[in-house]
Structure formats: C-alpha cells, structure tokens
mmCIF file of all heavy atoms, coordinates in Angstrom:
data_MODEL
# 
_entry.id   MODEL 
# 
loop_
_atom_site.group_PDB 
_atom_site.id 
_atom_site.type_symbol 
_atom_site.label_atom_id 
_atom_site.label_alt_id 
_atom_site.label_comp_id 
_atom_site.label_asym_id 
_atom_site.label_entity_id 
_atom_site.label_seq_id 
_atom_site.pdbx_PDB_ins_code 
_atom_site.Cartn_x 
_atom_site.Cartn_y 
_atom_site.Cartn_z 
_atom_site.occupancy 
_atom_site.B_iso_or_equiv 
_atom_site.pdbx_formal_charge 
_atom_site.auth_seq_id 
_atom_site.auth_comp_id 
_atom_site.auth_asym_id 
_atom_site.auth_atom_id 
_atom_site.pdbx_PDB_model_num 
ATOM 1   N N   . LEU A 1 1  ? -7.302  -17.592 29.729 1.00 0.00 ? 1  LEU A N   1 
ATOM 2   C CA  . LEU A 1 1  ? -7.633  -16.954 28.457 1.00 0.00 ? 1  LEU A CA  1 
ATOM 3   C C   . LEU A 1 1  ? -8.095  -17.977 27.421 1.00 0.00 ? 1  LEU A C   1 
ATOM 4   O O   . LEU A 1 1  ? -8.960  -17.670 26.587 1.00 0.00 ? 1  LEU A O   1 
ATOM 5   C CB  . LEU A 1 1  ? -6.428  -16.174 27.932 1.00 0.00 ? 1  LEU A CB  1 
ATOM 6   C CG  . LEU A 1 1  ? -6.128  -14.865 28.659 1.00 0.00 ? 1  LEU A CG  1 
ATOM 7   C CD1 . LEU A 1 1  ? -4.911  -14.197 28.047 1.00 0.00 ? 1  LEU A CD1 1 
ATOM 8   C CD2 . LEU A 1 1  ? -7.323  -13.913 28.623 1.00 0.00 ? 1  LEU A CD2 1 
ATOM 9   N N   . ARG A 1 2  ? -7.538  -19.159 27.445 1.00 0.00 ? 2  ARG A N   1 
ATOM 10  C CA  . ARG A 1 2  ? -8.001  -20.190 26.512 1.00 0.00 ? 2  ARG A CA  1 
ATOM 11  C C   . ARG A 1 2  ? -9.470  -20.532 26.784 1.00 0.00 ? 2  ARG A C   1 
ATOM 12  O O   . ARG A 1 2  ? -10.271 -20.711 25.848 1.00 0.00 ? 2  ARG A O   1 
ATOM 13  C CB  . ARG A 1 2  ? -7.130  -21.441 26.635 1.00 0.00 ? 2  ARG A CB  1 
ATOM 14  C CG  . ARG A 1 2  ? -5.781  -21.328 25.931 1.00 0.00 ? 2  ARG A CG  1 
ATOM 15  C CD  . ARG A 1 2  ? -4.948  -22.569 26.169 1.00 0.00 ? 2  ARG A CD  1 
ATOM 16  N NE  . ARG A 1 2  ? -3.692  -22.520 25.430 1.00 0.00 ? 2  ARG A NE  1 
ATOM 17  C CZ  . ARG A 1 2  ? -2.655  -23.311 25.660 1.00 0.00 ? 2  ARG A CZ  1 
ATOM 18  N NH1 . ARG A 1 2  ? -2.735  -24.235 26.619 1.00 0.00 ? 2  ARG A NH1 1 
ATOM 19  N NH2 . ARG A 1 2  ? -1.544  -23.190 24.961 1.00 0.00 ? 2  ARG A NH2 1 
ATOM 20  N N   . THR A 1 3  ? -9.809  -20.651 28.053 1.00 0.00 ? 3  THR A N   1 
ATOM 21  C CA  . THR A 1 3  ? -11.199 -20.929 28.394 1.00 0.00 ? 3  THR A CA  1 
ATOM 22  C C   . THR A 1 3  ? -12.098 -19.786 27.949 1.00 0.00 ? 3  THR A C   1 
ATOM 23  O O   . THR A 1 3  ? -13.172 -20.005 27.368 1.00 0.00 ? 3  THR A O   1 
ATOM 24  C CB  . THR A 1 3  ? -11.350 -21.153 29.902 1.00 0.00 ? 3  THR A CB  1 
ATOM 25  O OG1 . THR A 1 3  ? -10.531 -22.266 30.299 1.00 0.00 ? 3  THR A OG1 1 
ATOM 26  C CG2 . THR A 1 3  ? -12.785 -21.427 30.286 1.00 0.00 ? 3  THR A CG2 1 
ATOM 27  N N   . ALA A 1 4  ? -11.670 -18.555 28.212 1.00 0.00 ? 4  ALA A N   1 
ATOM 28  C CA  . ALA A 1 4  ? -12.465 -17.390 27.789 1.00 0.00 ? 4  ALA A CA  1 
ATOM 29  C C   . ALA A 1 4  ? -12.615 -17.360 26.271 1.00 0.00 ? 4  ALA A C   1 
ATOM 30  O O   . ALA A 1 4  ? -13.709 -17.093 25.760 1.00 0.00 ? 4  ALA A O   1 
ATOM 31  C CB  . ALA A 1 4  ? -11.803 -16.117 28.287 1.00 0.00 ? 4  ALA A CB  1 
ATOM 32  N N   . ARG A 1 5  ? -11.540 -17.643 25.554 1.00 0.00 ? 5  ARG A N   1 
ATOM 33  C CA  . ARG A 1 5  ? -11.610 -17.669 24.090 1.00 0.00 ? 5  ARG A CA  1 
ATOM 34  C C   . ARG A 1 5  ? -12.653 -18.662 23.600 1.00 0.00 ? 5  ARG A C   1 
ATOM 35  O O   . ARG A 1 5  ? -13.393 -18.393 22.658 1.00 0.00 ? 5  ARG A O   1 
ATOM 36  C CB  . ARG A 1 5  ? -10.235 -18.026 23.522 1.00 0.00 ? 5  ARG A CB  1 
ATOM 37  C CG  . ARG A 1 5  ? -10.144 -17.985 21.999 1.00 0.00 ? 5  ARG A CG  1 
ATOM 38  C CD  . ARG A 1 5  ? -8.886  -18.688 21.507 1.00 0.00 ? 5  ARG A CD  1 
ATOM 39  N NE  . ARG A 1 5  ? -8.944  -20.119 21.799 1.00 0.00 ? 5  ARG A NE  1 
ATOM 40  C CZ  . ARG A 1 5  ? -7.919  -20.937 21.694 1.00 0.00 ? 5  ARG A CZ  1 
ATOM 41  N NH1 . ARG A 1 5  ? -6.743  -20.500 21.328 1.00 0.00 ? 5  ARG A NH1 1 
ATOM 42  N NH2 . ARG A 1 5  ? -8.060  -22.217 21.977 1.00 0.00 ? 5  ARG A NH2 1 
ATOM 43  N N   . SER A 1 6  ? -12.721 -19.817 24.246 1.00 0.00 ? 6  SER A N   1 
ATOM 44  C CA  . SER A 1 6  ? -13.681 -20.846 23.835 1.00 0.00 ? 6  SER A CA  1 
ATOM 45  C C   . SER A 1 6  ? -15.124 -20.426 24.091 1.00 0.00 ? 6  SER A C   1 
ATOM 46  O O   . SER A 1 6  ? -16.058 -21.029 23.536 1.00 0.00 ? 6  SER A O   1 
ATOM 47  C CB  . SER A 1 6  ? -13.392 -22.160 24.569 1.00 0.00 ? 6  SER A CB  1 
ATOM 48  O OG  . SER A 1 6  ? -13.752 -22.079 25.944 1.00 0.00 ? 6  SER A OG  1 
ATOM 49  N N   . MET A 1 7  ? -15.326 -19.400 24.914 1.00 0.00 ? 7  MET A N   1 
ATOM 50  C CA  . MET A 1 7  ? -16.668 -18.947 25.260 1.00 0.00 ? 7  MET A CA  1 
ATOM 51  C C   . MET A 1 7  ? -17.112 -17.738 24.439 1.00 0.00 ? 7  MET A C   1 
ATOM 52  O O   . MET A 1 7  ? -18.203 -17.213 24.654 1.00 0.00 ? 7  MET A O   1 
ATOM 53  C CB  . MET A 1 7  ? -16.726 -18.617 26.758 1.00 0.00 ? 7  MET A CB  1 
ATOM 54  C CG  . MET A 1 7  ? -16.384 -19.810 27.645 1.00 0.00 ? 7  MET A CG  1 
ATOM 55  S SD  . MET A 1 7  ? -16.197 -19.366 29.391 1.00 0.00 ? 7  MET A SD  1 
ATOM 56  C CE  . MET A 1 7  ? -17.911 -19.157 29.853 1.00 0.00 ? 7  MET A CE  1 
ATOM 57  N N   . LEU A 1 8  ? -16.272 -17.286 23.509 1.00 0.00 ? 8  LEU A N   1 
ATOM 58  C CA  . LEU A 1 8  ? -16.619 -16.129 22.688 1.00 0.00 ? 8  LEU A CA  1 
ATOM 59  C C   . LEU A 1 8  ? -17.514 -16.526 21.520 1.00 0.00 ? 8  LEU A C   1 
ATOM 60  O O   . LEU A 1 8  ? -17.376 -17.587 20.931 1.00 0.00 ? 8  LEU A O   1 
ATOM 61  C CB  . LEU A 1 8  ? -15.348 -15.495 22.128 1.00 0.00 ? 8  LEU A CB  1 
ATOM 62  C CG  . LEU A 1 8  ? -14.496 -14.645 23.068 1.00 0.00 ? 8  LEU A CG  1 
ATOM 63  C CD1 . LEU A 1 8  ? -13.191 -14.266 22.378 1.00 0.00 ? 8  LEU A CD1 1 
ATOM 64  C CD2 . LEU A 1 8  ? -15.234 -13.391 23.527 1.00 0.00 ? 8  LEU A CD2 1 
ATOM 65  N N   . THR A 1 9  ? -18.415 -15.630 21.165 1.00 0.00 ? 9  THR A N   1 
ATOM 66  C CA  . THR A 1 9  ? -19.173 -15.784 19.934 1.00 0.00 ? 9  THR A CA  1 
ATOM 67  C C   . THR A 1 9  ? -18.249 -15.523 18.747 1.00 0.00 ? 9  THR A C   1 
ATOM 68  O O   . THR A 1 9  ? -17.107 -15.077 18.921 1.00 0.00 ? 9  THR A O   1 
ATOM 69  C CB  . THR A 1 9  ? -20.344 -14.788 19.894 1.00 0.00 ? 9  THR A CB  1 
ATOM 70  O OG1 . THR A 1 9  ? -19.826 -13.456 20.023 1.00 0.00 ? 9  THR A OG1 1 
ATOM 71  C CG2 . THR A 1 9  ? -21.334 -15.048 21.021 1.00 0.00 ? 9  THR A CG2 1 
ATOM 72  N N   . ASP A 1 10 ? -18.733 -15.779 17.538 1.00 0.00 ? 10 ASP A N   1 
ATOM 73  C CA  . ASP A 1 10 ? -17.880 -15.672 16.354 1.00 0.00 ? 10 ASP A CA  1 
ATOM 74  C C   . ASP A 1 10 ? -17.230 -14.306 16.197 1.00 0.00 ? 10 ASP A C   1 
ATOM 75  O O   . ASP A 1 10 ? -16.080 -14.199 15.763 1.00 0.00 ? 10 ASP A O   1 
ATOM 76  C CB  . ASP A 1 10 ? -18.698 -15.996 15.093 1.00 0.00 ? 10 ASP A CB  1 
ATOM 77  C CG  . ASP A 1 10 ? -19.007 -17.479 14.982 1.00 0.00 ? 10 ASP A CG  1 
ATOM 78  O OD1 . ASP A 1 10 ? -18.367 -18.268 15.696 1.00 0.00 ? 10 ASP A OD1 1 
ATOM 79  O OD2 . ASP A 1 10 ? -19.908 -17.833 14.188 1.00 0.00 ? 10 ASP A OD2 1 
ATOM 80  N N   . ASP A 1 11 ? -17.961 -13.244 16.528 1.00 0.00 ? 11 ASP A N   1 
ATOM 81  C CA  . ASP A 1 11 ? -17.410 -11.892 16.374 1.00 0.00 ? 11 ASP A CA  1 
ATOM 82  C C   . ASP A 1 11 ? -17.080 -11.273 17.726 1.00 0.00 ? 11 ASP A C   1 
ATOM 83  O O   . ASP A 1 11 ? -16.962 -10.058 17.846 1.00 0.00 ? 11 ASP A O   1 
ATOM 84  C CB  . ASP A 1 11 ? -18.404 -11.006 15.620 1.00 0.00 ? 11 ASP A CB  1 
ATOM 85  C CG  . ASP A 1 11 ? -17.732 -9.728  15.103 1.00 0.00 ? 11 ASP A CG  1 
ATOM 86  O OD1 . ASP A 1 11 ? -16.553 -9.797  14.689 1.00 0.00 ? 11 ASP A OD1 1 
ATOM 87  O OD2 . ASP A 1 11 ? -18.378 -8.660  15.155 1.00 0.00 ? 11 ASP A OD2 1 
ATOM 88  N N   . GLY A 1 12 ? -16.915 -12.116 18.749 1.00 0.00 ? 12 GLY A N   1 
ATOM 89  C CA  . GLY A 1 12 ? -16.672 -11.595 20.095 1.00 0.00 ? 12 GLY A CA  1 
ATOM 90  C C   . GLY A 1 12 ? -15.218 -11.232 20.332 1.00 0.00 ? 12 GLY A C   1 
ATOM 91  O O   . GLY A 1 12 ? -14.327 -11.604 19.564 1.00 0.00 ? 12 GLY A O   1 
ATOM 92  N N   . PHE A 1 13 ? -14.977 -10.491 21.399 1.00 0.00 ? 13 PHE A N   1 
ATOM 93  C CA  . PHE A 1 13 ? -13.602 -10.191 21.794 1.00 0.00 ? 13 PHE A CA  1 
ATOM 94  C C   . PHE A 1 13 ? -13.479 -10.105 23.302 1.00 0.00 ? 13 PHE A C   1 
ATOM 95  O O   . PHE A 1 13 ? -14.474 -9.975  24.027 1.00 0.00 ? 13 PHE A O   1 
ATOM 96  C CB  . PHE A 1 13 ? -13.076 -8.912  21.121 1.00 0.00 ? 13 PHE A CB  1 
ATOM 97  C CG  . PHE A 1 13 ? -13.767 -7.626  21.493 1.00 0.00 ? 13 PHE A CG  1 
ATOM 98  C CD1 . PHE A 1 13 ? -13.564 -7.006  22.733 1.00 0.00 ? 13 PHE A CD1 1 
ATOM 99  C CD2 . PHE A 1 13 ? -14.613 -7.002  20.579 1.00 0.00 ? 13 PHE A CD2 1 
ATOM 100 C CE1 . PHE A 1 13 ? -14.183 -5.803  23.046 1.00 0.00 ? 13 PHE A CE1 1 
ATOM 101 C CE2 . PHE A 1 13 ? -15.243 -5.798  20.885 1.00 0.00 ? 13 PHE A CE2 1 
ATOM 102 C CZ  . PHE A 1 13 ? -15.019 -5.201  22.124 1.00 0.00 ? 13 PHE A CZ  1 
ATOM 103 N N   . ILE A 1 14 ? -12.245 -10.196 23.765 1.00 0.00 ? 14 ILE A N   1 
ATOM 104 C CA  . ILE A 1 14 ? -11.897 -10.069 25.167 1.00 0.00 ? 14 ILE A CA  1 
ATOM 105 C C   . ILE A 1 14 ? -11.304 -8.680  25.382 1.00 0.00 ? 14 ILE A C   1 
ATOM 106 O O   . ILE A 1 14 ? -10.428 -8.259  24.627 1.00 0.00 ? 14 ILE A O   1 
ATOM 107 C CB  . ILE A 1 14 ? -10.868 -11.135 25.585 1.00 0.00 ? 14 ILE A CB  1 
ATOM 108 C CG1 . ILE A 1 14 ? -11.479 -12.539 25.478 1.00 0.00 ? 14 ILE A CG1 1 
ATOM 109 C CG2 . ILE A 1 14 ? -10.340 -10.893 27.004 1.00 0.00 ? 14 ILE A CG2 1 
ATOM 110 C CD1 . ILE A 1 14 ? -10.472 -13.666 25.622 1.00 0.00 ? 14 ILE A CD1 1 
ATOM 111 N N   . LEU A 1 15 ? -11.767 -7.980  26.404 1.00 0.00 ? 15 LEU A N   1 
ATOM 112 C CA  . LEU A 1 15 ? -11.155 -6.717  26.804 1.00 0.00 ? 15 LEU A CA  1 
ATOM 113 C C   . LEU A 1 15 ? -10.399 -6.963  28.093 1.00 0.00 ? 15 LEU A C   1 
ATOM 114 O O   . LEU A 1 15 ? -10.997 -7.309  29.123 1.00 0.00 ? 15 LEU A O   1 
ATOM 115 C CB  . LEU A 1 15 ? -12.222 -5.635  27.014 1.00 0.00 ? 15 LEU A CB  1 
ATOM 116 C CG  . LEU A 1 15 ? -11.702 -4.273  27.479 1.00 0.00 ? 15 LEU A CG  1 
ATOM 117 C CD1 . LEU A 1 15 ? -10.697 -3.698  26.477 1.00 0.00 ? 15 LEU A CD1 1 
ATOM 118 C CD2 . LEU A 1 15 ? -12.839 -3.293  27.701 1.00 0.00 ? 15 LEU A CD2 1 
ATOM 119 N N   . LEU A 1 16 ? -9.088  -6.812  28.032 1.00 0.00 ? 16 LEU A N   1 
ATOM 120 C CA  . LEU A 1 16 ? -8.218  -7.118  29.170 1.00 0.00 ? 16 LEU A CA  1 
ATOM 121 C C   . LEU A 1 16 ? -7.390  -5.899  29.506 1.00 0.00 ? 16 LEU A C   1 
ATOM 122 O O   . LEU A 1 16 ? -6.777  -5.283  28.616 1.00 0.00 ? 16 LEU A O   1 
ATOM 123 C CB  . LEU A 1 16 ? -7.323  -8.309  28.834 1.00 0.00 ? 16 LEU A CB  1 
ATOM 124 C CG  . LEU A 1 16 ? -6.406  -8.855  29.925 1.00 0.00 ? 16 LEU A CG  1 
ATOM 125 C CD1 . LEU A 1 16 ? -6.215  -10.360 29.734 1.00 0.00 ? 16 LEU A CD1 1 
ATOM 126 C CD2 . LEU A 1 16 ? -5.059  -8.166  29.951 1.00 0.00 ? 16 LEU A CD2 1 
ATOM 127 N N   . THR A 1 17 ? -7.366  -5.516  30.774 1.00 0.00 ? 17 THR A N   1 
ATOM 128 C CA  . THR A 1 17 ? -6.542  -4.381  31.208 1.00 0.00 ? 17 THR A CA  1 
ATOM 129 C C   . THR A 1 17 ? -5.556  -4.851  32.267 1.00 0.00 ? 17 THR A C   1 
ATOM 130 O O   . THR A 1 17 ? -5.850  -5.738  33.069 1.00 0.00 ? 17 THR A O   1 
ATOM 131 C CB  . THR A 1 17 ? -7.412  -3.237  31.775 1.00 0.00 ? 17 THR A CB  1 
ATOM 132 O OG1 . THR A 1 17 ? -7.998  -3.624  33.022 1.00 0.00 ? 17 THR A OG1 1 
ATOM 133 C CG2 . THR A 1 17 ? -8.528  -2.866  30.808 1.00 0.00 ? 17 THR A CG2 1 
ATOM 134 N N   . ARG A 1 18 ? -4.392  -4.246  32.233 1.00 0.00 ? 18 ARG A N   1 
ATOM 135 C CA  . ARG A 1 18 ? -3.290  -4.673  33.116 1.00 0.00 ? 18 ARG A CA  1 
ATOM 136 C C   . ARG A 1 18 ? -2.452  -3.459  33.461 1.00 0.00 ? 18 ARG A C   1 
ATOM 137 O O   . ARG A 1 18 ? -2.215  -2.588  32.612 1.00 0.00 ? 18 ARG A O   1 
ATOM 138 C CB  . ARG A 1 18 ? -2.437  -5.719  32.376 1.00 0.00 ? 18 ARG A CB  1 
ATOM 139 C CG  . ARG A 1 18 ? -1.534  -6.560  33.275 1.00 0.00 ? 18 ARG A CG  1 
ATOM 140 C CD  . ARG A 1 18 ? -2.311  -7.685  33.909 1.00 0.00 ? 18 ARG A CD  1 
ATOM 141 N NE  . ARG A 1 18 ? -1.417  -8.731  34.439 1.00 0.00 ? 18 ARG A NE  1 
ATOM 142 C CZ  . ARG A 1 18 ? -1.053  -8.846  35.710 1.00 0.00 ? 18 ARG A CZ  1 
ATOM 143 N NH1 . ARG A 1 18 ? -1.445  -7.960  36.603 1.00 0.00 ? 18 ARG A NH1 1 
ATOM 144 N NH2 . ARG A 1 18 ? -0.286  -9.839  36.096 1.00 0.00 ? 18 ARG A NH2 1 
ATOM 145 N N   . THR A 1 19 ? -1.982  -3.397  34.686 1.00 0.00 ? 19 THR A N   1 
ATOM 146 C CA  . THR A 1 19 ? -1.086  -2.309  35.083 1.00 0.00 ? 19 THR A CA  1 
ATOM 147 C C   . THR A 1 19 ? 0.188   -2.341  34.254 1.00 0.00 ? 19 THR A C   1 
ATOM 148 O O   . THR A 1 19 ? 0.749   -3.408  34.000 1.00 0.00 ? 19 THR A O   1 
ATOM 149 C CB  . THR A 1 19 ? -0.736  -2.442  36.578 1.00 0.00 ? 19 THR A CB  1 
ATOM 150 O OG1 . THR A 1 19 ? -1.940  -2.399  37.348 1.00 0.00 ? 19 THR A OG1 1 
ATOM 151 C CG2 . THR A 1 19 ? 0.188   -1.323  37.024 1.00 0.00 ? 19 THR A CG2 1 
ATOM 152 N N   . GLN A 1 20 ? 0.618   -1.169  33.806 1.00 0.00 ? 20 GLN A N   1 
ATOM 153 C CA  . GLN A 1 20 ? 1.879   -1.069  33.060 1.00 0.00 ? 20 GLN A CA  1 
ATOM 154 C C   . GLN A 1 20 ? 3.006   -1.675  33.906 1.00 0.00 ? 20 GLN A C   1 
ATOM 155 O O   . GLN A 1 20 ? 3.225   -1.272  35.047 1.00 0.00 ? 20 GLN A O   1 
ATOM 156 C CB  . GLN A 1 20 ? 2.134   0.409   32.764 1.00 0.00 ? 20 GLN A CB  1 
ATOM 157 C CG  . GLN A 1 20 ? 3.536   0.787   32.361 1.00 0.00 ? 20 GLN A CG  1 
ATOM 158 C CD  . GLN A 1 20 ? 3.965   0.135   31.063 1.00 0.00 ? 20 GLN A CD  1 
ATOM 159 O OE1 . GLN A 1 20 ? 4.768   -0.779  31.114 1.00 0.00 ? 20 GLN A OE1 1 
ATOM 160 N NE2 . GLN A 1 20 ? 3.475   0.638   29.952 1.00 0.00 ? 20 GLN A NE2 1 
ATOM 161 N N   . PRO A 1 21 ? 3.720   -2.700  33.417 1.00 0.00 ? 21 PRO A N   1 
ATOM 162 C CA  . PRO A 1 21 ? 4.734   -3.370  34.230 1.00 0.00 ? 21 PRO A CA  1 
ATOM 163 C C   . PRO A 1 21 ? 5.868   -2.454  34.683 1.00 0.00 ? 21 PRO A C   1 
ATOM 164 O O   . PRO A 1 21 ? 6.513   -2.714  35.705 1.00 0.00 ? 21 PRO A O   1 
ATOM 165 C CB  . PRO A 1 21 ? 5.247   -4.489  33.327 1.00 0.00 ? 21 PRO A CB  1 
ATOM 166 C CG  . PRO A 1 21 ? 4.861   -4.098  31.950 1.00 0.00 ? 21 PRO A CG  1 
ATOM 167 C CD  . PRO A 1 21 ? 3.600   -3.322  32.079 1.00 0.00 ? 21 PRO A CD  1 
ATOM 168 N N   . VAL A 1 22 ? 6.108   -1.385  33.928 1.00 0.00 ? 22 VAL A N   1 
ATOM 169 C CA  . VAL A 1 22 ? 7.136   -0.439  34.340 1.00 0.00 ? 22 VAL A CA  1 
ATOM 170 C C   . VAL A 1 22 ? 6.781   0.197   35.677 1.00 0.00 ? 22 VAL A C   1 
ATOM 171 O O   . VAL A 1 22 ? 7.666   0.516   36.483 1.00 0.00 ? 22 VAL A O   1 
ATOM 172 C CB  . VAL A 1 22 ? 7.344   0.633   33.251 1.00 0.00 ? 22 VAL A CB  1 
ATOM 173 C CG1 . VAL A 1 22 ? 8.231   1.759   33.753 1.00 0.00 ? 22 VAL A CG1 1 
ATOM 174 C CG2 . VAL A 1 22 ? 7.950   0.008   32.003 1.00 0.00 ? 22 VAL A CG2 1 
ATOM 175 N N   . ARG A 1 23 ? 5.481   0.350   35.926 1.00 0.00 ? 23 ARG A N   1 
ATOM 176 C CA  . ARG A 1 23 ? 5.070   0.984   37.189 1.00 0.00 ? 23 ARG A CA  1 
ATOM 177 C C   . ARG A 1 23 ? 5.605   0.199   38.391 1.00 0.00 ? 23 ARG A C   1 
ATOM 178 O O   . ARG A 1 23 ? 6.217   0.779   39.295 1.00 0.00 ? 23 ARG A O   1 
ATOM 179 C CB  . ARG A 1 23 ? 3.553   1.080   37.261 1.00 0.00 ? 23 ARG A CB  1 
ATOM 180 C CG  . ARG A 1 23 ? 3.084   1.537   38.651 1.00 0.00 ? 23 ARG A CG  1 
ATOM 181 C CD  . ARG A 1 23 ? 1.620   1.754   38.782 1.00 0.00 ? 23 ARG A CD  1 
ATOM 182 N NE  . ARG A 1 23 ? 1.324   2.256   40.126 1.00 0.00 ? 23 ARG A NE  1 
ATOM 183 C CZ  . ARG A 1 23 ? 0.192   2.827   40.464 1.00 0.00 ? 23 ARG A CZ  1 
ATOM 184 N NH1 . ARG A 1 23 ? -0.755  3.007   39.570 1.00 0.00 ? 23 ARG A NH1 1 
ATOM 185 N NH2 . ARG A 1 23 ? 0.000   3.248   41.695 1.00 0.00 ? 23 ARG A NH2 1 
ATOM 186 N N   . HIS A 1 24 ? 5.315   -1.093  38.412 1.00 0.00 ? 24 HIS A N   1 
ATOM 187 C CA  . HIS A 1 24 ? 5.777   -1.919  39.545 1.00 0.00 ? 24 HIS A CA  1 
ATOM 188 C C   . HIS A 1 24 ? 7.300   -1.921  39.635 1.00 0.00 ? 24 HIS A C   1 
ATOM 189 O O   . HIS A 1 24 ? 7.871   -1.869  40.731 1.00 0.00 ? 24 HIS A O   1 
ATOM 190 C CB  . HIS A 1 24 ? 5.260   -3.347  39.405 1.00 0.00 ? 24 HIS A CB  1 
ATOM 191 C CG  . HIS A 1 24 ? 3.777   -3.491  39.555 1.00 0.00 ? 24 HIS A CG  1 
ATOM 192 N ND1 . HIS A 1 24 ? 3.069   -2.915  40.588 1.00 0.00 ? 24 HIS A ND1 1 
ATOM 193 C CD2 . HIS A 1 24 ? 2.866   -4.152  38.798 1.00 0.00 ? 24 HIS A CD2 1 
ATOM 194 C CE1 . HIS A 1 24 ? 1.802   -3.217  40.473 1.00 0.00 ? 24 HIS A CE1 1 
ATOM 195 N NE2 . HIS A 1 24 ? 1.647   -3.955  39.404 1.00 0.00 ? 24 HIS A NE2 1 
ATOM 196 N N   . ALA A 1 25 ? 7.960   -1.982  38.491 1.00 0.00 ? 25 ALA A N   1 
ATOM 197 C CA  . ALA A 1 25 ? 9.421   -2.018  38.487 1.00 0.00 ? 25 ALA A CA  1 
ATOM 198 C C   . ALA A 1 25 ? 9.997   -0.721  39.043 1.00 0.00 ? 25 ALA A C   1 
ATOM 199 O O   . ALA A 1 25 ? 10.970  -0.741  39.819 1.00 0.00 ? 25 ALA A O   1 
ATOM 200 C CB  . ALA A 1 25 ? 9.924   -2.259  37.070 1.00 0.00 ? 25 ALA A CB  1 
ATOM 201 N N   . LEU A 1 26 ? 9.431   0.404   38.642 1.00 0.00 ? 26 LEU A N   1 
ATOM 202 C CA  . LEU A 1 26 ? 9.934   1.690   39.127 1.00 0.00 ? 26 LEU A CA  1 
ATOM 203 C C   . LEU A 1 26 ? 9.696   1.847   40.614 1.00 0.00 ? 26 LEU A C   1 
ATOM 204 O O   . LEU A 1 26 ? 10.567  2.319   41.359 1.00 0.00 ? 26 LEU A O   1 
ATOM 205 C CB  . LEU A 1 26 ? 9.261   2.832   38.365 1.00 0.00 ? 26 LEU A CB  1 
ATOM 206 C CG  . LEU A 1 26 ? 9.695   4.257   38.724 1.00 0.00 ? 26 LEU A CG  1 
ATOM 207 C CD1 . LEU A 1 26 ? 11.203  4.398   38.616 1.00 0.00 ? 26 LEU A CD1 1 
ATOM 208 C CD2 . LEU A 1 26 ? 8.986   5.259   37.833 1.00 0.00 ? 26 LEU A CD2 1 
ATOM 209 N N   . GLU A 1 27 ? 8.520   1.429   41.080 1.00 0.00 ? 27 GLU A N   1 
ATOM 210 C CA  . GLU A 1 27 ? 8.241   1.504   42.514 1.00 0.00 ? 27 GLU A CA  1 
ATOM 211 C C   . GLU A 1 27 ? 9.239   0.659   43.310 1.00 0.00 ? 27 GLU A C   1 
ATOM 212 O O   . GLU A 1 27 ? 9.738   1.099   44.351 1.00 0.00 ? 27 GLU A O   1 
ATOM 213 C CB  . GLU A 1 27 ? 6.816   1.028   42.788 1.00 0.00 ? 27 GLU A CB  1 
ATOM 214 C CG  . GLU A 1 27 ? 5.750   1.994   42.326 1.00 0.00 ? 27 GLU A CG  1 
ATOM 215 C CD  . GLU A 1 27 ? 4.350   1.445   42.492 1.00 0.00 ? 27 GLU A CD  1 
ATOM 216 O OE1 . GLU A 1 27 ? 4.182   0.202   42.475 1.00 0.00 ? 27 GLU A OE1 1 
ATOM 217 O OE2 . GLU A 1 27 ? 3.421   2.254   42.635 1.00 0.00 ? 27 GLU A OE2 1 
ATOM 218 N N   . ARG A 1 28 ? 9.524   -0.543  42.832 1.00 0.00 ? 28 ARG A N   1 
ATOM 219 C CA  . ARG A 1 28 ? 10.467  -1.409  43.550 1.00 0.00 ? 28 ARG A CA  1 
ATOM 220 C C   . ARG A 1 28 ? 11.889  -0.837  43.497 1.00 0.00 ? 28 ARG A C   1 
ATOM 221 O O   . ARG A 1 28 ? 12.647  -0.939  44.459 1.00 0.00 ? 28 ARG A O   1 
ATOM 222 C CB  . ARG A 1 28 ? 10.436  -2.825  42.974 1.00 0.00 ? 28 ARG A CB  1 
ATOM 223 C CG  . ARG A 1 28 ? 9.123   -3.530  43.167 1.00 0.00 ? 28 ARG A CG  1 
ATOM 224 C CD  . ARG A 1 28 ? 9.244   -5.038  42.930 1.00 0.00 ? 28 ARG A CD  1 
ATOM 225 N NE  . ARG A 1 28 ? 9.837   -5.368  41.653 1.00 0.00 ? 28 ARG A NE  1 
ATOM 226 C CZ  . ARG A 1 28 ? 9.190   -5.422  40.494 1.00 0.00 ? 28 ARG A CZ  1 
ATOM 227 N NH1 . ARG A 1 28 ? 7.894   -5.137  40.457 1.00 0.00 ? 28 ARG A NH1 1 
ATOM 228 N NH2 . ARG A 1 28 ? 9.798   -5.765  39.377 1.00 0.00 ? 28 ARG A NH2 1 
# 
C-alpha cells in the first residue's frame, strides 16, 4: 500500500476490497 500510495496523483485514491473477516471466522 505504501508503494501504491506513492504512485497516486494528487487527487487519486485506492479502491480496496476485502472479504469480511467474520465470514472466515464463522466458517472455521
């Protein structure tokens, strides 16, 4: 993420998606 941040334009942003951690916990 630090590398990605350094590659953003002044008004840029990162869109990051991640599985809800509760899902894996409930499955286990």
